[in-house]
């Protein structure tokens, strides 16, 4: 049995030709939500998958076997309930209400702009119909939303790099309380006069310096006309 302990989300970084040549493995959600499972790929090989705890495998992901070979994952069709709103008597917001009530029951939900999907449950189906939603059975791939802080979601990979963006977004200087630069390092203000400071405390300090540190016959009006 081959072991696969590496996952490449959506095969990112792989050349399309490698993805086309890769063996495939078709798995339903019940298996793909596990981090450890055994399966058989399209070449008849037994694959033992050992991934970090909490990892969910999505359709389009690529497993890397210990021999370096690639196995592309296909989300297998499975029984689901497809939930839509009534176009005659309802509104798209009805789906938001449905998602809220299903979420309160910790039900895995696949979210789409115009419908929801859940695994078959006759009690939930009755509840949704009582809310005037349309519920019908289907056999389709199921990719429920993942938790915000837990296993990867249906669109996993979207949050890569956000932390870096936040780290580098503070371009302004917070060091107003530190030493004040002197000499040519200071930048003139918009009127070409005294060095510019955003902090009103600095302006106040400079006003006193002008009032008490210079001769009174010196013209202080330069650059401050409005």
N, C-alpha and C. Protein backbone atom coordinates (compact mmCIF):
# COMPACT_ATOMS: atom_id res chain seq x y z
N UNK A 1 0.85 -1.20 0.00
CA UNK A 1 0.00 0.00 0.00
C UNK A 1 0.88 1.25 0.00
N UNK A 2 0.55 2.19 -0.89
CA UNK A 2 1.25 3.46 -0.93
C UNK A 2 0.71 4.39 0.15
N UNK A 3 1.58 5.22 0.66
CA UNK A 3 1.17 6.21 1.66
C UNK A 3 1.21 7.60 1.04
N UNK A 4 0.19 8.39 1.32
CA UNK A 4 0.16 9.79 0.89
C UNK A 4 -0.03 10.66 2.13
N UNK A 5 0.93 11.52 2.38
CA UNK A 5 0.82 12.38 3.56
C UNK A 5 1.00 13.85 3.21
N UNK A 6 0.87 14.18 1.93
CA UNK A 6 0.96 15.57 1.50
C UNK A 6 -0.23 15.91 0.63
N UNK A 7 -0.81 17.10 0.84
CA UNK A 7 -1.97 17.55 0.08
C UNK A 7 -1.65 18.88 -0.59
N UNK A 8 -1.93 18.99 -1.87
CA UNK A 8 -1.76 20.24 -2.61
C UNK A 8 -3.15 20.76 -2.96
N UNK A 9 -3.65 21.76 -2.21
CA UNK A 9 -5.00 22.27 -2.47
C UNK A 9 -5.19 22.71 -3.92
N UNK A 10 -6.17 22.10 -4.56
CA UNK A 10 -6.52 22.39 -5.95
C UNK A 10 -5.34 22.23 -6.92
N UNK A 11 -4.33 21.46 -6.49
CA UNK A 11 -3.18 21.23 -7.35
C UNK A 11 -2.41 22.49 -7.68
N UNK A 12 -2.50 23.48 -6.79
CA UNK A 12 -1.87 24.77 -7.04
C UNK A 12 -0.36 24.61 -7.23
N UNK A 13 0.15 25.20 -8.30
CA UNK A 13 1.58 25.14 -8.58
C UNK A 13 1.98 24.03 -9.52
N UNK A 14 1.04 23.12 -9.82
CA UNK A 14 1.34 22.02 -10.72
C UNK A 14 0.98 22.38 -12.16
N UNK A 15 1.79 21.91 -13.09
CA UNK A 15 1.50 22.15 -14.50
C UNK A 15 0.25 21.38 -14.91
N UNK A 16 -0.59 21.95 -15.76
CA UNK A 16 -1.82 21.27 -16.20
C UNK A 16 -1.57 19.89 -16.78
N UNK A 17 -0.44 19.71 -17.46
CA UNK A 17 -0.16 18.40 -18.05
C UNK A 17 0.04 17.34 -16.97
N UNK A 18 0.61 17.74 -15.84
CA UNK A 18 0.80 16.79 -14.73
C UNK A 18 -0.54 16.41 -14.11
N UNK A 19 -1.45 17.38 -14.04
CA UNK A 19 -2.77 17.09 -13.48
C UNK A 19 -3.55 16.14 -14.39
N UNK A 20 -3.40 16.34 -15.70
CA UNK A 20 -4.11 15.46 -16.64
C UNK A 20 -3.59 14.03 -16.58
N UNK A 21 -2.31 13.88 -16.33
CA UNK A 21 -1.71 12.55 -16.31
C UNK A 21 -1.87 11.85 -14.96
N UNK A 22 -2.25 12.59 -13.93
CA UNK A 22 -2.32 12.01 -12.59
C UNK A 22 -3.44 10.99 -12.47
N UNK A 23 -3.21 10.00 -11.64
CA UNK A 23 -4.28 9.06 -11.30
C UNK A 23 -5.36 9.83 -10.55
N UNK A 24 -6.56 9.29 -10.51
CA UNK A 24 -7.66 9.95 -9.80
C UNK A 24 -8.21 9.03 -8.73
N UNK A 25 -8.88 9.65 -7.79
CA UNK A 25 -9.53 8.89 -6.72
C UNK A 25 -10.85 9.61 -6.42
N UNK A 26 -11.96 8.87 -6.44
CA UNK A 26 -13.29 9.44 -6.28
C UNK A 26 -13.80 9.13 -4.88
N UNK A 27 -14.09 10.19 -4.13
CA UNK A 27 -14.46 10.03 -2.72
C UNK A 27 -15.66 10.90 -2.39
N UNK A 28 -16.56 10.38 -1.56
CA UNK A 28 -17.67 11.21 -1.10
C UNK A 28 -17.24 12.01 0.12
N UNK A 29 -18.14 12.88 0.59
CA UNK A 29 -17.78 13.76 1.68
C UNK A 29 -17.52 13.02 2.98
N UNK A 30 -18.21 11.94 3.20
CA UNK A 30 -18.02 11.18 4.43
C UNK A 30 -16.56 10.74 4.59
N UNK A 31 -15.92 10.42 3.46
CA UNK A 31 -14.51 10.02 3.50
C UNK A 31 -13.60 11.24 3.47
N UNK A 32 -13.92 12.21 2.63
CA UNK A 32 -13.03 13.35 2.43
C UNK A 32 -12.90 14.24 3.66
N UNK A 33 -13.87 14.19 4.56
CA UNK A 33 -13.76 15.01 5.77
C UNK A 33 -12.83 14.41 6.80
N UNK A 34 -12.34 13.20 6.55
CA UNK A 34 -11.42 12.54 7.47
C UNK A 34 -9.98 12.83 7.05
N UNK A 35 -9.09 12.86 8.00
CA UNK A 35 -7.68 13.11 7.69
C UNK A 35 -6.90 11.81 7.48
N UNK A 36 -7.52 10.68 7.82
CA UNK A 36 -6.87 9.38 7.64
C UNK A 36 -7.88 8.38 7.09
N UNK A 37 -7.55 7.84 5.92
CA UNK A 37 -8.45 6.86 5.30
C UNK A 37 -7.69 6.06 4.23
N UNK A 38 -8.25 4.96 3.82
CA UNK A 38 -7.71 4.13 2.75
C UNK A 38 -8.65 4.21 1.55
N UNK A 39 -8.07 4.17 0.36
CA UNK A 39 -8.88 4.22 -0.86
C UNK A 39 -8.10 3.59 -2.01
N UNK A 40 -8.80 3.37 -3.12
CA UNK A 40 -8.18 2.78 -4.31
C UNK A 40 -8.26 3.79 -5.44
N UNK A 41 -7.12 4.08 -6.10
CA UNK A 41 -7.13 5.08 -7.17
C UNK A 41 -7.49 4.45 -8.51
N UNK A 42 -7.51 5.27 -9.55
CA UNK A 42 -7.94 4.82 -10.88
C UNK A 42 -6.98 3.82 -11.50
N UNK A 43 -5.78 3.70 -10.95
CA UNK A 43 -4.81 2.71 -11.45
C UNK A 43 -4.85 1.43 -10.63
N UNK A 44 -5.80 1.33 -9.71
CA UNK A 44 -5.95 0.13 -8.91
C UNK A 44 -5.00 0.05 -7.72
N UNK A 45 -4.33 1.13 -7.41
CA UNK A 45 -3.39 1.12 -6.29
C UNK A 45 -4.11 1.43 -4.99
N UNK A 46 -3.73 0.75 -3.93
CA UNK A 46 -4.26 1.04 -2.60
C UNK A 46 -3.47 2.21 -2.02
N UNK A 47 -4.19 3.25 -1.61
CA UNK A 47 -3.56 4.45 -1.08
C UNK A 47 -3.97 4.62 0.38
N UNK A 48 -2.99 4.73 1.26
CA UNK A 48 -3.25 5.04 2.66
C UNK A 48 -2.97 6.52 2.89
N UNK A 49 -4.01 7.28 3.20
CA UNK A 49 -3.87 8.73 3.34
C UNK A 49 -3.71 9.09 4.81
N UNK A 50 -2.65 9.81 5.12
CA UNK A 50 -2.36 10.26 6.48
C UNK A 50 -2.03 11.76 6.43
N UNK A 51 -3.03 12.58 6.76
CA UNK A 51 -2.88 14.03 6.69
C UNK A 51 -2.98 14.62 8.10
N UNK A 52 -2.55 15.87 8.28
CA UNK A 52 -2.67 16.50 9.60
C UNK A 52 -4.11 16.50 10.10
N UNK A 53 -4.27 16.32 11.39
CA UNK A 53 -5.60 16.29 11.99
C UNK A 53 -6.38 17.55 11.62
N UNK A 54 -7.64 17.37 11.27
CA UNK A 54 -8.49 18.50 10.93
C UNK A 54 -8.50 18.85 9.46
N UNK A 55 -7.66 18.19 8.66
CA UNK A 55 -7.62 18.47 7.23
C UNK A 55 -8.81 17.82 6.53
N UNK A 56 -9.47 18.59 5.69
CA UNK A 56 -10.55 18.06 4.85
C UNK A 56 -10.07 18.07 3.41
N UNK A 57 -10.34 16.99 2.69
CA UNK A 57 -9.91 16.87 1.30
C UNK A 57 -11.07 17.32 0.40
N UNK A 58 -10.77 18.21 -0.53
CA UNK A 58 -11.79 18.75 -1.42
C UNK A 58 -11.60 18.24 -2.84
N UNK A 59 -12.70 18.23 -3.59
CA UNK A 59 -12.60 17.87 -4.99
C UNK A 59 -11.66 18.82 -5.71
N UNK A 60 -10.70 18.28 -6.46
CA UNK A 60 -9.71 19.10 -7.14
C UNK A 60 -8.38 19.14 -6.41
N UNK A 61 -8.37 18.73 -5.14
CA UNK A 61 -7.10 18.64 -4.41
C UNK A 61 -6.24 17.52 -4.98
N UNK A 62 -4.96 17.59 -4.74
CA UNK A 62 -4.03 16.56 -5.23
C UNK A 62 -3.26 15.98 -4.06
N UNK A 63 -3.28 14.68 -3.94
CA UNK A 63 -2.50 13.95 -2.95
C UNK A 63 -1.16 13.57 -3.57
N UNK A 64 -0.11 13.65 -2.78
CA UNK A 64 1.22 13.25 -3.24
C UNK A 64 1.62 11.98 -2.50
N UNK A 65 1.82 10.91 -3.25
CA UNK A 65 2.18 9.62 -2.66
C UNK A 65 3.67 9.59 -2.32
N UNK A 66 4.05 8.61 -1.51
CA UNK A 66 5.44 8.52 -1.06
C UNK A 66 6.43 8.29 -2.19
N UNK A 67 5.95 7.74 -3.32
CA UNK A 67 6.85 7.53 -4.46
C UNK A 67 6.89 8.74 -5.39
N UNK A 68 6.23 9.83 -4.98
CA UNK A 68 6.23 11.06 -5.76
C UNK A 68 5.10 11.16 -6.77
N UNK A 69 4.32 10.12 -6.92
CA UNK A 69 3.21 10.15 -7.87
C UNK A 69 2.06 10.99 -7.32
N UNK A 70 1.25 11.50 -8.24
CA UNK A 70 0.15 12.38 -7.89
C UNK A 70 -1.19 11.68 -8.03
N UNK A 71 -2.10 12.00 -7.14
CA UNK A 71 -3.46 11.44 -7.19
C UNK A 71 -4.44 12.60 -7.05
N UNK A 72 -5.19 12.86 -8.12
CA UNK A 72 -6.15 13.96 -8.10
C UNK A 72 -7.47 13.47 -7.52
N UNK A 73 -8.01 14.25 -6.60
CA UNK A 73 -9.24 13.86 -5.90
C UNK A 73 -10.46 14.41 -6.65
N UNK A 74 -11.44 13.53 -6.82
CA UNK A 74 -12.72 13.92 -7.42
C UNK A 74 -13.80 13.76 -6.36
N UNK A 75 -14.63 14.79 -6.20
CA UNK A 75 -15.75 14.70 -5.26
C UNK A 75 -16.83 13.83 -5.88
N UNK A 76 -17.08 12.68 -5.27
CA UNK A 76 -18.04 11.73 -5.83
C UNK A 76 -19.47 12.23 -5.63
N UNK A 77 -20.33 12.01 -6.63
CA UNK A 77 -21.75 12.33 -6.43
C UNK A 77 -22.31 11.51 -5.28
N UNK A 78 -23.21 12.09 -4.50
CA UNK A 78 -23.81 11.41 -3.37
C UNK A 78 -25.20 12.00 -3.12
N UNK A 79 -26.04 11.32 -2.39
CA UNK A 79 -27.38 11.85 -2.12
C UNK A 79 -27.30 13.14 -1.31
N UNK A 80 -28.00 14.17 -1.75
CA UNK A 80 -28.06 15.45 -1.05
C UNK A 80 -29.47 16.02 -1.17
N UNK A 81 -29.75 16.99 -0.34
CA UNK A 81 -30.97 17.78 -0.45
C UNK A 81 -30.58 19.16 -0.98
N UNK A 82 -31.21 19.56 -2.08
CA UNK A 82 -30.95 20.86 -2.67
C UNK A 82 -32.10 21.78 -2.27
N UNK A 83 -31.75 22.94 -1.69
CA UNK A 83 -32.74 23.86 -1.13
C UNK A 83 -32.73 25.15 -1.94
N UNK A 84 -33.89 25.52 -2.46
CA UNK A 84 -34.04 26.77 -3.19
C UNK A 84 -35.22 27.55 -2.62
N UNK A 85 -35.31 28.80 -2.97
CA UNK A 85 -36.45 29.60 -2.49
C UNK A 85 -37.54 29.62 -3.57
N UNK A 86 -38.73 29.89 -3.15
CA UNK A 86 -39.87 29.94 -4.06
C UNK A 86 -39.85 31.27 -4.81
N UNK A 87 -39.71 31.21 -6.11
CA UNK A 87 -39.63 32.44 -6.90
C UNK A 87 -40.98 33.15 -6.98
N UNK A 88 -42.06 32.42 -6.74
CA UNK A 88 -43.39 33.03 -6.83
C UNK A 88 -43.79 33.72 -5.54
N UNK A 89 -43.45 33.10 -4.39
CA UNK A 89 -43.92 33.64 -3.11
C UNK A 89 -42.80 33.98 -2.12
N UNK A 90 -41.56 33.68 -2.49
CA UNK A 90 -40.46 33.91 -1.57
C UNK A 90 -39.47 34.93 -2.08
N UNK A 91 -38.29 34.92 -1.48
CA UNK A 91 -37.23 35.84 -1.85
C UNK A 91 -35.88 35.18 -1.56
N UNK A 92 -34.79 35.64 -2.20
CA UNK A 92 -33.47 35.07 -1.93
C UNK A 92 -33.10 35.09 -0.45
N UNK A 93 -33.62 36.07 0.30
CA UNK A 93 -33.31 36.16 1.72
C UNK A 93 -33.77 34.92 2.48
N UNK A 94 -34.75 34.19 1.94
CA UNK A 94 -35.23 32.97 2.60
C UNK A 94 -34.09 31.95 2.76
N UNK A 95 -33.15 31.97 1.83
CA UNK A 95 -32.00 31.07 1.93
C UNK A 95 -31.09 31.47 3.09
N UNK A 96 -30.99 32.76 3.34
CA UNK A 96 -30.20 33.23 4.48
C UNK A 96 -30.83 32.75 5.78
N UNK A 97 -32.14 32.85 5.88
CA UNK A 97 -32.84 32.37 7.06
C UNK A 97 -32.65 30.87 7.24
N UNK A 98 -32.72 30.13 6.13
CA UNK A 98 -32.53 28.68 6.19
C UNK A 98 -31.12 28.34 6.67
N UNK A 99 -30.12 29.04 6.14
CA UNK A 99 -28.74 28.79 6.54
C UNK A 99 -28.55 29.08 8.02
N UNK A 100 -29.21 30.12 8.52
CA UNK A 100 -29.12 30.46 9.94
C UNK A 100 -29.67 29.31 10.80
N UNK A 101 -30.85 28.82 10.47
CA UNK A 101 -31.47 27.76 11.27
C UNK A 101 -30.69 26.44 11.16
N UNK A 102 -30.18 26.14 9.99
CA UNK A 102 -29.38 24.93 9.83
C UNK A 102 -28.06 25.06 10.59
N UNK A 103 -27.47 26.25 10.54
CA UNK A 103 -26.23 26.48 11.26
C UNK A 103 -26.40 26.31 12.76
N UNK A 104 -27.56 26.71 13.28
CA UNK A 104 -27.83 26.54 14.71
C UNK A 104 -27.86 25.06 15.10
N UNK A 105 -28.09 24.21 14.11
CA UNK A 105 -28.12 22.77 14.36
C UNK A 105 -26.80 22.10 13.97
N UNK A 106 -25.81 22.94 13.65
CA UNK A 106 -24.46 22.44 13.30
C UNK A 106 -24.51 21.45 12.14
N UNK A 107 -25.33 21.78 11.17
CA UNK A 107 -25.47 20.92 9.99
C UNK A 107 -24.45 21.36 8.93
N UNK A 108 -23.68 20.45 8.36
CA UNK A 108 -22.79 20.83 7.25
C UNK A 108 -23.63 21.35 6.08
N UNK A 109 -23.27 22.51 5.56
CA UNK A 109 -24.03 23.15 4.49
C UNK A 109 -23.09 23.57 3.36
N UNK A 110 -23.49 23.28 2.15
CA UNK A 110 -22.80 23.84 0.99
C UNK A 110 -23.57 25.10 0.59
N UNK A 111 -22.86 26.22 0.57
CA UNK A 111 -23.49 27.51 0.28
C UNK A 111 -23.25 27.91 -1.16
N UNK A 112 -24.33 28.21 -1.86
CA UNK A 112 -24.26 28.73 -3.22
C UNK A 112 -25.11 29.99 -3.31
N UNK A 113 -24.85 30.85 -4.30
CA UNK A 113 -25.62 32.09 -4.38
C UNK A 113 -27.13 31.86 -4.51
N UNK A 114 -27.53 30.77 -5.18
CA UNK A 114 -28.96 30.57 -5.43
C UNK A 114 -29.53 29.30 -4.81
N UNK A 115 -28.73 28.57 -4.02
CA UNK A 115 -29.26 27.38 -3.36
C UNK A 115 -28.33 26.92 -2.24
N UNK A 116 -28.82 26.02 -1.43
CA UNK A 116 -28.04 25.37 -0.38
C UNK A 116 -28.09 23.87 -0.61
N UNK A 117 -27.09 23.19 -0.05
CA UNK A 117 -27.11 21.72 -0.07
C UNK A 117 -26.81 21.20 1.32
N UNK A 118 -27.54 20.16 1.71
CA UNK A 118 -27.25 19.46 2.95
C UNK A 118 -27.37 17.97 2.69
N UNK A 119 -26.88 17.18 3.62
CA UNK A 119 -27.06 15.73 3.52
C UNK A 119 -28.50 15.38 3.86
N UNK A 120 -29.01 14.27 3.33
CA UNK A 120 -30.42 13.93 3.53
C UNK A 120 -30.81 13.84 5.00
N UNK A 121 -31.93 14.47 5.34
CA UNK A 121 -32.47 14.44 6.69
C UNK A 121 -33.95 14.83 6.58
N UNK A 122 -34.84 13.88 6.82
CA UNK A 122 -36.26 14.14 6.60
C UNK A 122 -36.83 15.16 7.59
N UNK A 123 -36.26 15.21 8.81
CA UNK A 123 -36.73 16.18 9.80
C UNK A 123 -36.38 17.60 9.34
N UNK A 124 -35.15 17.77 8.90
CA UNK A 124 -34.74 19.09 8.42
C UNK A 124 -35.48 19.47 7.14
N UNK A 125 -35.73 18.48 6.29
CA UNK A 125 -36.47 18.76 5.06
C UNK A 125 -37.87 19.29 5.39
N UNK A 126 -38.52 18.69 6.39
CA UNK A 126 -39.86 19.14 6.79
C UNK A 126 -39.80 20.56 7.37
N UNK A 127 -38.78 20.84 8.17
CA UNK A 127 -38.63 22.18 8.73
C UNK A 127 -38.47 23.21 7.63
N UNK A 128 -37.64 22.91 6.63
CA UNK A 128 -37.38 23.84 5.55
C UNK A 128 -38.63 24.07 4.70
N UNK A 129 -39.38 23.01 4.47
CA UNK A 129 -40.62 23.17 3.69
C UNK A 129 -41.64 24.01 4.46
N UNK A 130 -41.63 23.89 5.79
CA UNK A 130 -42.55 24.71 6.59
C UNK A 130 -42.17 26.18 6.52
N UNK A 131 -40.93 26.46 6.13
CA UNK A 131 -40.46 27.84 5.94
C UNK A 131 -40.69 28.30 4.51
N UNK A 132 -41.47 27.52 3.74
CA UNK A 132 -41.84 27.84 2.36
C UNK A 132 -40.65 27.78 1.40
N UNK A 133 -39.68 26.94 1.75
CA UNK A 133 -38.56 26.70 0.84
C UNK A 133 -38.82 25.43 0.04
N UNK A 134 -38.18 25.33 -1.10
CA UNK A 134 -38.33 24.17 -1.97
C UNK A 134 -37.16 23.22 -1.71
N UNK A 135 -37.45 21.98 -1.40
CA UNK A 135 -36.42 20.98 -1.09
C UNK A 135 -36.61 19.80 -2.03
N UNK A 136 -35.56 19.43 -2.73
CA UNK A 136 -35.65 18.23 -3.57
C UNK A 136 -34.38 17.40 -3.45
N UNK A 137 -34.51 16.12 -3.67
CA UNK A 137 -33.39 15.19 -3.57
C UNK A 137 -32.59 15.20 -4.86
N UNK A 138 -31.29 15.01 -4.74
CA UNK A 138 -30.41 14.96 -5.90
C UNK A 138 -29.22 14.08 -5.59
N UNK A 139 -28.46 13.76 -6.60
CA UNK A 139 -27.23 12.98 -6.45
C UNK A 139 -26.09 13.81 -7.04
N UNK A 140 -25.42 14.55 -6.19
CA UNK A 140 -24.41 15.50 -6.65
C UNK A 140 -23.23 15.51 -5.69
N UNK A 141 -22.13 16.11 -6.15
CA UNK A 141 -20.97 16.31 -5.27
C UNK A 141 -21.37 17.23 -4.12
N UNK A 142 -20.80 16.98 -2.95
CA UNK A 142 -21.13 17.77 -1.76
C UNK A 142 -19.85 18.37 -1.20
N UNK A 143 -19.81 19.72 -1.15
CA UNK A 143 -18.65 20.45 -0.64
C UNK A 143 -19.11 21.45 0.41
N UNK A 144 -19.38 21.00 1.63
CA UNK A 144 -19.89 21.93 2.65
C UNK A 144 -18.85 22.96 3.07
N UNK A 145 -19.36 24.05 3.58
CA UNK A 145 -18.51 25.13 4.08
C UNK A 145 -17.71 24.64 5.27
N UNK A 146 -16.44 25.05 5.33
CA UNK A 146 -15.60 24.68 6.46
C UNK A 146 -15.70 25.73 7.56
N UNK A 147 -15.25 25.37 8.76
CA UNK A 147 -15.24 26.32 9.87
C UNK A 147 -14.22 27.41 9.64
N UNK A 148 -14.48 28.60 10.17
CA UNK A 148 -13.59 29.74 9.98
C UNK A 148 -12.21 29.51 10.60
N UNK A 149 -12.16 28.73 11.69
CA UNK A 149 -10.89 28.52 12.39
C UNK A 149 -10.47 27.07 12.43
N UNK A 150 -11.26 26.19 11.80
CA UNK A 150 -10.96 24.77 11.88
C UNK A 150 -10.52 24.22 10.55
N UNK A 151 -11.19 23.15 10.11
CA UNK A 151 -10.82 22.48 8.87
C UNK A 151 -11.02 23.41 7.70
N UNK A 152 -10.29 23.12 6.62
CA UNK A 152 -10.35 23.96 5.44
C UNK A 152 -11.74 23.91 4.83
N UNK A 153 -12.19 25.07 4.33
CA UNK A 153 -13.52 25.15 3.77
C UNK A 153 -13.53 24.85 2.29
N UNK A 154 -14.74 24.95 1.70
CA UNK A 154 -14.91 24.63 0.29
C UNK A 154 -14.03 25.51 -0.59
N UNK A 155 -13.75 26.72 -0.12
CA UNK A 155 -12.90 27.61 -0.88
C UNK A 155 -11.55 27.77 -0.22
N UNK A 156 -11.03 26.71 0.40
CA UNK A 156 -9.82 26.88 1.19
C UNK A 156 -8.69 27.40 0.32
N UNK A 157 -7.82 28.14 0.96
CA UNK A 157 -6.75 28.79 0.23
C UNK A 157 -6.99 30.27 0.04
N UNK A 158 -8.24 30.73 0.28
CA UNK A 158 -8.54 32.15 0.10
C UNK A 158 -7.87 33.02 1.14
N UNK A 159 -7.55 32.47 2.28
CA UNK A 159 -7.00 33.32 3.32
C UNK A 159 -5.48 33.34 3.33
N UNK A 160 -4.83 32.74 2.34
CA UNK A 160 -3.37 32.71 2.34
C UNK A 160 -2.84 34.12 2.11
N UNK A 161 -1.98 34.57 2.99
CA UNK A 161 -1.30 35.86 2.81
C UNK A 161 -2.01 37.03 3.45
N UNK A 162 -3.24 36.85 3.94
CA UNK A 162 -3.93 37.99 4.53
C UNK A 162 -3.17 38.55 5.74
N UNK A 163 -2.58 37.65 6.51
CA UNK A 163 -1.86 38.12 7.70
C UNK A 163 -0.73 39.06 7.31
N UNK A 164 -0.11 38.77 6.14
CA UNK A 164 0.98 39.65 5.71
C UNK A 164 0.44 41.02 5.34
N UNK A 165 -0.74 41.03 4.69
CA UNK A 165 -1.32 42.30 4.31
C UNK A 165 -1.56 43.17 5.53
N UNK A 166 -2.10 42.56 6.60
CA UNK A 166 -2.38 43.33 7.80
C UNK A 166 -1.09 43.82 8.46
N UNK A 167 -0.06 42.99 8.42
CA UNK A 167 1.19 43.37 9.06
C UNK A 167 1.80 44.60 8.41
N UNK A 168 1.62 44.72 7.08
CA UNK A 168 2.31 45.78 6.36
C UNK A 168 1.42 46.97 6.07
N UNK A 169 0.22 46.98 6.60
CA UNK A 169 -0.71 48.05 6.27
C UNK A 169 -0.50 49.31 7.09
N UNK A 170 0.31 49.27 8.14
CA UNK A 170 0.50 50.43 9.00
C UNK A 170 1.71 51.23 8.54
N UNK A 171 1.50 52.03 7.52
CA UNK A 171 2.62 52.79 6.99
C UNK A 171 2.87 54.09 7.71
N UNK A 172 1.87 54.57 8.52
CA UNK A 172 2.06 55.85 9.18
C UNK A 172 2.87 55.70 10.46
N UNK A 173 3.44 56.81 10.89
CA UNK A 173 4.36 56.79 12.02
C UNK A 173 3.60 56.97 13.33
N UNK A 174 3.79 56.05 14.26
CA UNK A 174 3.16 56.13 15.57
C UNK A 174 4.10 56.72 16.62
N UNK A 175 5.26 57.21 16.23
CA UNK A 175 6.28 57.59 17.21
C UNK A 175 6.27 59.08 17.51
N UNK A 176 5.05 59.68 17.65
CA UNK A 176 4.98 61.11 17.92
C UNK A 176 5.63 61.48 19.24
N UNK A 177 5.65 60.52 20.18
CA UNK A 177 6.18 60.85 21.49
C UNK A 177 7.69 60.73 21.58
N UNK A 178 8.34 60.32 20.50
CA UNK A 178 9.77 60.12 20.55
C UNK A 178 10.53 61.41 20.30
N UNK A 179 11.83 61.26 20.03
CA UNK A 179 12.68 62.43 19.79
C UNK A 179 12.27 63.11 18.50
N UNK A 180 12.27 64.41 18.49
CA UNK A 180 11.89 65.16 17.30
C UNK A 180 13.12 65.40 16.45
N UNK A 181 13.07 65.03 15.13
CA UNK A 181 14.22 65.27 14.27
C UNK A 181 14.49 66.76 14.16
N UNK A 182 15.72 67.10 13.87
CA UNK A 182 16.09 68.51 13.76
C UNK A 182 16.81 68.72 12.44
N UNK A 183 17.03 69.99 12.11
CA UNK A 183 17.81 70.34 10.95
C UNK A 183 17.10 70.01 9.66
N UNK A 184 17.85 69.69 8.61
CA UNK A 184 17.28 69.48 7.28
C UNK A 184 16.41 68.24 7.19
N UNK A 185 16.38 67.38 8.21
CA UNK A 185 15.54 66.18 8.16
C UNK A 185 14.08 66.55 8.17
N UNK A 186 13.71 67.70 8.80
CA UNK A 186 12.32 68.11 8.90
C UNK A 186 11.81 68.55 7.55
N UNK A 187 10.52 68.30 7.33
CA UNK A 187 9.91 68.65 6.05
C UNK A 187 9.10 69.93 6.21
N UNK A 188 9.16 70.84 5.26
CA UNK A 188 8.38 72.07 5.36
C UNK A 188 6.90 71.78 5.25
N UNK A 189 6.09 72.68 5.86
CA UNK A 189 4.66 72.45 5.78
C UNK A 189 4.12 72.90 4.43
N UNK A 190 2.80 72.79 4.27
CA UNK A 190 2.20 73.04 2.96
C UNK A 190 2.42 74.47 2.48
N UNK A 191 2.70 75.41 3.39
CA UNK A 191 2.87 76.80 3.01
C UNK A 191 4.33 77.18 2.88
N UNK A 192 5.20 76.24 3.04
CA UNK A 192 6.62 76.54 2.89
C UNK A 192 7.23 77.18 4.11
N UNK A 193 6.55 77.12 5.27
CA UNK A 193 7.05 77.78 6.46
C UNK A 193 7.74 76.83 7.39
N UNK A 194 7.29 76.83 8.65
CA UNK A 194 7.94 76.04 9.68
C UNK A 194 7.77 74.57 9.44
N UNK A 195 8.62 73.71 10.03
CA UNK A 195 8.50 72.26 9.85
C UNK A 195 7.11 71.78 10.24
N UNK A 196 6.60 70.84 9.43
CA UNK A 196 5.23 70.36 9.64
C UNK A 196 5.19 69.28 10.69
N UNK A 197 4.19 69.37 11.59
CA UNK A 197 3.94 68.33 12.58
C UNK A 197 2.45 68.09 12.63
N UNK A 198 2.02 66.83 12.55
CA UNK A 198 0.60 66.53 12.62
C UNK A 198 0.07 66.66 14.03
N UNK A 199 0.92 66.50 15.01
CA UNK A 199 0.48 66.51 16.40
C UNK A 199 0.25 67.94 16.85
N UNK A 200 -0.97 68.27 17.32
CA UNK A 200 -1.23 69.65 17.79
C UNK A 200 -0.29 70.05 18.92
N UNK A 201 0.18 69.10 19.71
CA UNK A 201 1.08 69.42 20.81
C UNK A 201 2.36 70.07 20.29
N UNK A 202 2.81 69.60 19.12
CA UNK A 202 4.01 70.18 18.53
C UNK A 202 3.74 71.61 18.09
N UNK A 203 2.54 71.81 17.48
CA UNK A 203 2.23 73.16 17.02
C UNK A 203 2.20 74.12 18.20
N UNK A 204 1.58 73.66 19.30
CA UNK A 204 1.50 74.50 20.49
C UNK A 204 2.89 74.82 21.01
N UNK A 205 3.75 73.81 21.01
CA UNK A 205 5.11 74.01 21.51
C UNK A 205 5.86 75.00 20.65
N UNK A 206 5.67 74.92 19.33
CA UNK A 206 6.37 75.83 18.44
C UNK A 206 5.86 77.26 18.58
N UNK A 207 4.54 77.37 18.84
CA UNK A 207 4.01 78.72 19.02
C UNK A 207 4.67 79.41 20.22
N UNK A 208 4.83 78.67 21.30
CA UNK A 208 5.48 79.26 22.47
C UNK A 208 6.94 79.59 22.18
N UNK A 209 7.56 78.73 21.38
CA UNK A 209 8.95 79.02 21.07
C UNK A 209 9.06 80.30 20.25
N UNK A 210 8.09 80.50 19.35
CA UNK A 210 8.11 81.71 18.55
C UNK A 210 7.80 82.93 19.42
N UNK A 211 6.85 82.73 20.37
CA UNK A 211 6.45 83.87 21.19
C UNK A 211 7.57 84.33 22.12
N UNK A 212 8.31 83.36 22.64
CA UNK A 212 9.26 83.71 23.70
C UNK A 212 10.72 83.59 23.27
N UNK A 213 10.97 82.92 22.16
CA UNK A 213 12.36 82.69 21.82
C UNK A 213 12.90 83.61 20.76
N UNK A 214 12.07 84.54 20.21
CA UNK A 214 12.52 85.41 19.14
C UNK A 214 12.28 86.88 19.52
N UNK A 215 12.99 87.75 18.83
CA UNK A 215 12.75 89.18 19.05
C UNK A 215 11.38 89.53 18.50
N UNK A 216 10.72 90.47 19.13
CA UNK A 216 9.36 90.82 18.77
C UNK A 216 9.28 91.60 17.47
N UNK A 217 10.39 92.14 17.01
CA UNK A 217 10.32 92.91 15.78
C UNK A 217 10.49 92.00 14.56
N UNK A 218 10.53 90.69 14.79
CA UNK A 218 10.64 89.74 13.67
C UNK A 218 9.25 89.40 13.17
N UNK A 219 9.08 89.32 11.87
CA UNK A 219 7.75 89.06 11.30
C UNK A 219 7.43 87.58 11.41
N UNK A 220 6.35 87.23 12.14
CA UNK A 220 5.97 85.83 12.30
C UNK A 220 4.88 85.42 11.34
N UNK A 221 4.47 86.24 10.43
CA UNK A 221 3.29 85.94 9.60
C UNK A 221 3.60 85.11 8.38
N UNK A 222 4.88 84.83 8.16
CA UNK A 222 5.23 84.15 6.91
C UNK A 222 4.63 82.74 6.88
N UNK A 223 3.97 82.46 5.77
CA UNK A 223 3.50 81.11 5.51
C UNK A 223 2.27 80.72 6.27
N UNK A 224 1.62 81.59 7.02
CA UNK A 224 0.49 81.18 7.84
C UNK A 224 -0.81 81.89 7.46
N UNK A 225 -0.81 82.61 6.37
CA UNK A 225 -2.05 83.29 5.93
C UNK A 225 -3.03 82.26 5.43
N UNK A 226 -4.32 82.46 5.66
CA UNK A 226 -5.33 81.48 5.24
C UNK A 226 -6.11 82.08 4.07
